[in-house]
Amino acid sequence: MLKPTNTRIYIIAVILLIGLSLSAQLNIKVGYEYNRSNDAVLANLISKYNAERKSISELEAPLNQAKNKSGVALGLRYRFYTAAIEMFAHRYTGDSEAIGNENGVNFTDKISTSNLYYGLALENQFGIFGFGASLGYETLKFKSKISGSNRTREFLDQKELASRLYLNFEFASDKIALSIKPYYHFSLGEYDLVPFKGELIPNVDVNTADLVVKPTSWGITLILYNGAQPN
């Protein structure tokens, strides 16, 4: 389900799509993004958390890595002949929770993760088929919510360079275009997961080298481009 924040973004974007009359080259972009990742470093830390929890409590549902994330994709694109340059911002989120019972008291430990990827992209388009690459910054955030509290606590917030390679299958009419973009996404920097370890398993020893991650993922974006489309 879409979160309230994402819903508000979609409403604003739709209003812009309806109300703006853009030039033949400039398009506003709004869409949906699905992202899939599976990182061994995160999986190892989560596995250690589950093992520690099982040793002191009954763990009914173990914590899992939030492999599936979804969110919104926004931006502006300028087209000239078969090439285009785009300024974009993509945000996608995912959640995971552990459920159990410790000394007769039920508990739920929830971890939320969000990625914000923003920057510039260059692409070429030949008919309905195209390809492109982007470069920008990606902010990775983790938040926790512990049983007995209505507050969430952010315990990791780090930004690194990232890049994306993608294909573009675009179907255009005179005033709007539908774009389907499968992609491969990879970080150019390393994230330090010491705060993640400190939040989940502060009393478990983990080698420092096992707390560094350079994540990769794949996914797809479904995008509407508003404005007059090139012939």
Protein backbone atom coordinates (compact mmCIF):
# COMPACT_ATOMS: atom_id res chain seq x y z
CA MET A 1 0.00 0.00 0.00
CA LEU A 2 1.06 3.58 -0.64
CA LYS A 3 2.04 5.52 2.46
CA PRO A 4 0.31 8.90 3.10
CA THR A 5 3.49 10.79 2.16
CA ASN A 6 3.76 8.98 -1.17
CA THR A 7 0.03 9.52 -1.81
CA ARG A 8 0.40 13.27 -1.34
CA ILE A 9 3.32 13.30 -3.77
CA TYR A 10 1.23 11.49 -6.38
CA ILE A 11 -1.67 13.95 -5.95
CA ILE A 12 0.64 16.94 -6.41
CA ALA A 13 2.26 15.30 -9.43
CA VAL A 14 -1.10 14.55 -11.07
CA ILE A 15 -2.18 18.18 -10.60
CA LEU A 16 1.02 19.28 -12.28
CA LEU A 17 0.46 16.83 -15.12
CA ILE A 18 -3.03 18.19 -15.72
CA GLY A 19 -2.21 21.86 -15.33
CA LEU A 20 1.14 22.33 -17.03
CA SER A 21 1.50 22.97 -20.73
CA LEU A 22 5.08 22.20 -21.58
CA SER A 23 7.20 22.86 -24.65
CA ALA A 24 7.93 20.29 -27.31
CA GLN A 25 11.23 19.35 -25.63
CA LEU A 26 10.55 19.67 -21.91
CA ASN A 27 8.57 16.95 -20.10
CA ILE A 28 7.59 16.54 -16.46
CA LYS A 29 8.01 13.02 -15.11
CA VAL A 30 6.01 11.14 -12.50
CA GLY A 31 5.99 7.41 -11.90
CA TYR A 32 6.21 4.34 -9.72
CA GLU A 33 9.42 2.52 -8.82
CA TYR A 34 10.00 -1.07 -7.71
CA ASN A 35 13.42 -2.03 -6.33
CA ARG A 36 14.77 -5.47 -5.38
CA SER A 37 17.96 -6.01 -3.40
CA ASN A 38 19.59 -8.82 -1.44
CA ASP A 39 22.74 -7.90 0.44
CA ALA A 40 24.87 -10.53 2.18
CA VAL A 41 26.25 -8.10 4.80
CA LEU A 42 22.76 -7.04 5.93
CA ALA A 43 21.57 -10.64 5.82
CA ASN A 44 24.42 -11.66 8.13
CA LEU A 45 23.63 -8.95 10.70
CA ILE A 46 19.92 -9.79 10.65
CA SER A 47 20.72 -13.49 11.05
CA LYS A 48 22.80 -12.69 14.15
CA TYR A 49 19.91 -10.60 15.54
CA ASN A 50 17.47 -13.50 15.06
CA ALA A 51 19.90 -15.94 16.70
CA GLU A 52 20.32 -13.67 19.73
CA ARG A 53 16.56 -13.09 20.01
CA LYS A 54 15.86 -16.83 19.89
CA SER A 55 18.31 -17.42 22.74
CA ILE A 56 16.37 -15.15 25.13
CA SER A 57 12.79 -15.26 23.83
CA GLU A 58 10.23 -17.06 21.69
CA LEU A 59 10.58 -15.64 18.18
CA GLU A 60 7.36 -16.23 16.26
CA ALA A 61 8.35 -14.26 13.14
CA PRO A 62 12.05 -13.52 12.57
CA LEU A 63 13.33 -10.24 11.21
CA ASN A 64 13.98 -10.35 7.46
CA GLN A 65 15.85 -8.11 5.08
CA ALA A 66 13.56 -5.62 3.32
CA LYS A 67 14.38 -6.92 -0.14
CA ASN A 68 11.34 -5.45 -1.89
CA LYS A 69 10.97 -1.66 -1.90
CA SER A 70 8.67 0.67 -3.78
CA GLY A 71 8.05 4.38 -4.11
CA VAL A 72 7.83 7.37 -6.43
CA ALA A 73 9.95 8.66 -9.31
CA LEU A 74 9.83 12.38 -10.19
CA GLY A 75 11.81 14.59 -12.53
CA LEU A 76 12.17 16.83 -15.58
CA ARG A 77 13.39 15.68 -19.01
CA TYR A 78 14.64 17.71 -21.97
CA ARG A 79 14.55 15.93 -25.34
CA PHE A 80 16.55 16.89 -28.43
CA TYR A 81 16.48 14.65 -31.50
CA THR A 82 17.17 11.08 -30.27
CA ALA A 83 18.91 12.14 -27.04
CA ALA A 84 17.61 13.38 -23.71
CA ILE A 85 18.91 14.71 -20.40
CA GLU A 86 16.92 14.25 -17.22
CA MET A 87 17.02 15.63 -13.69
CA PHE A 88 15.40 13.15 -11.30
CA ALA A 89 14.64 12.15 -7.71
CA HIS A 90 13.52 8.61 -6.81
CA ARG A 91 12.47 7.54 -3.31
CA TYR A 92 11.61 3.96 -2.35
CA THR A 93 10.97 2.34 1.02
CA GLY A 94 10.57 -1.06 2.68
CA ASP A 95 9.78 -2.50 6.12
CA SER A 96 10.48 -5.64 8.11
CA GLU A 97 9.47 -6.69 11.60
CA ALA A 98 10.18 -9.38 14.16
CA ILE A 99 7.37 -10.67 16.39
CA GLY A 100 7.85 -12.70 19.54
CA ASN A 101 7.30 -13.18 23.24
CA GLU A 102 9.83 -12.52 26.01
CA ASN A 103 9.00 -13.51 29.59
CA GLY A 104 5.29 -13.51 28.79
CA VAL A 105 5.35 -10.09 27.12
CA ASN A 106 4.70 -9.78 23.37
CA PHE A 107 7.11 -7.62 21.39
CA THR A 108 7.40 -6.27 17.86
CA ASP A 109 10.68 -4.87 16.57
CA LYS A 110 10.22 -3.01 13.27
CA ILE A 111 12.97 -1.79 10.96
CA SER A 112 12.15 0.65 8.13
CA THR A 113 14.56 1.51 5.34
CA SER A 114 14.39 4.24 2.71
CA ASN A 115 16.53 5.18 -0.27
CA LEU A 116 16.59 8.59 -1.96
CA TYR A 117 18.42 8.60 -5.30
CA TYR A 118 18.77 11.91 -7.16
CA GLY A 119 20.95 13.25 -9.95
CA LEU A 120 21.21 13.47 -13.75
CA ALA A 121 20.59 10.91 -16.50
CA LEU A 122 21.49 10.77 -20.20
CA GLU A 123 19.65 8.54 -22.66
CA ASN A 124 19.19 7.77 -26.34
CA GLN A 125 15.89 6.75 -27.93
CA PHE A 126 15.29 5.03 -31.26
CA GLY A 127 11.58 4.55 -31.78
CA ILE A 128 10.13 2.71 -28.80
CA PHE A 129 13.54 1.37 -27.70
CA GLY A 130 16.15 3.33 -25.78
CA PHE A 131 18.91 3.04 -23.21
CA GLY A 132 20.54 5.31 -20.69
CA ALA A 133 22.69 5.81 -17.63
CA SER A 134 22.41 8.02 -14.56
CA LEU A 135 24.77 9.32 -11.91
CA GLY A 136 23.85 10.86 -8.59
CA TYR A 137 23.78 10.58 -4.85
CA GLU A 138 21.88 7.96 -2.89
CA THR A 139 20.90 8.49 0.75
CA LEU A 140 20.31 5.32 2.78
CA LYS A 141 18.30 5.62 5.99
CA PHE A 142 17.22 3.12 8.64
CA LYS A 143 14.64 3.68 11.37
CA SER A 144 13.50 1.45 14.22
CA LYS A 145 10.26 1.21 16.17
CA ILE A 146 10.27 -0.84 19.35
CA SER A 147 7.28 -2.28 21.19
CA GLY A 148 5.86 0.00 23.85
CA SER A 149 6.78 3.19 21.99
CA ASN A 150 4.88 5.17 19.37
CA ARG A 151 8.03 6.86 18.15
CA THR A 152 10.45 5.83 15.44
CA ARG A 153 14.16 6.45 15.85
CA GLU A 154 16.51 7.09 12.94
CA PHE A 155 19.81 5.35 13.58
CA LEU A 156 21.56 5.46 10.18
CA ASP A 157 21.65 8.24 7.56
CA GLN A 158 24.45 8.09 4.98
CA LYS A 159 24.90 9.44 1.45
CA GLU A 160 27.14 7.97 -1.27
CA LEU A 161 27.60 8.25 -5.05
CA ALA A 162 25.58 5.76 -7.09
CA SER A 163 24.86 4.95 -10.72
CA ARG A 164 22.19 3.20 -12.76
CA LEU A 165 22.10 1.55 -16.19
CA TYR A 166 18.69 1.07 -17.78
CA LEU A 167 16.65 0.27 -20.87
CA ASN A 168 13.73 2.42 -21.95
CA PHE A 169 10.62 1.13 -23.72
CA GLU A 170 8.56 4.22 -24.51
CA PHE A 171 5.10 4.51 -26.03
CA ALA A 172 4.17 8.09 -26.92
CA SER A 173 1.11 9.99 -28.07
CA ASP A 174 1.07 13.70 -28.94
CA LYS A 175 0.87 14.95 -25.36
CA ILE A 176 1.98 12.11 -23.09
CA ALA A 177 4.33 9.13 -23.08
CA LEU A 178 4.39 5.90 -21.07
CA SER A 179 7.89 4.68 -20.29
CA ILE A 180 8.93 1.27 -18.90
CA LYS A 181 12.50 1.24 -17.59
CA PRO A 182 14.11 -1.93 -16.22
CA TYR A 183 17.42 -1.09 -14.53
CA TYR A 184 20.53 -2.25 -12.69
CA HIS A 185 21.58 0.00 -9.80
CA PHE A 186 24.93 0.03 -8.00
CA SER A 187 26.67 2.11 -5.36
CA LEU A 188 30.02 3.77 -6.09
CA GLY A 189 30.73 4.27 -2.40
CA GLU A 190 30.67 2.13 0.73
CA TYR A 191 28.14 2.41 3.55
CA ASP A 192 29.29 1.89 7.14
CA LEU A 193 26.77 -0.29 9.01
CA VAL A 194 28.27 0.18 12.48
CA PRO A 195 25.10 2.08 13.58
CA PHE A 196 22.95 -0.77 12.20
CA LYS A 197 24.91 -3.31 14.23
CA GLY A 198 24.75 -1.07 17.30
CA GLU A 199 20.96 -0.80 17.03
CA LEU A 200 20.18 -4.50 16.47
CA ILE A 201 22.96 -6.43 18.18
CA PRO A 202 25.07 -4.13 20.39
CA ASN A 203 26.33 -7.05 22.52
CA VAL A 204 27.40 -9.29 19.62
CA ASP A 205 30.96 -9.14 18.28
CA VAL A 206 31.18 -8.53 14.53
CA ASN A 207 34.35 -8.02 12.49
CA THR A 208 34.67 -4.42 11.30
CA ALA A 209 35.25 -5.64 7.74
CA ASP A 210 31.81 -7.27 7.86
CA LEU A 211 30.12 -3.92 8.53
CA VAL A 212 30.90 -2.31 5.18
CA VAL A 213 28.47 -2.68 2.29
CA LYS A 214 28.54 -1.55 -1.35
CA PRO A 215 24.95 -2.37 -2.35
CA THR A 216 23.58 -3.34 -5.74
CA SER A 217 19.99 -3.86 -6.82
CA TRP A 218 17.70 -4.16 -9.81
CA GLY A 219 14.21 -2.97 -10.51
CA ILE A 220 11.78 -1.24 -12.85
CA THR A 221 10.19 2.19 -13.10
CA LEU A 222 6.84 2.93 -14.76
CA ILE A 223 6.75 6.56 -15.81
CA LEU A 224 4.41 9.07 -17.44
CA TYR A 225 6.02 12.01 -19.26
CA ASN A 226 3.69 14.98 -19.77
CA GLY A 227 4.04 17.48 -22.58
CA ALA A 228 4.29 17.41 -26.35
CA GLN A 229 6.31 14.45 -27.58
CA PRO A 230 8.78 14.48 -30.50
CA ASN A 231 7.63 13.01 -33.78
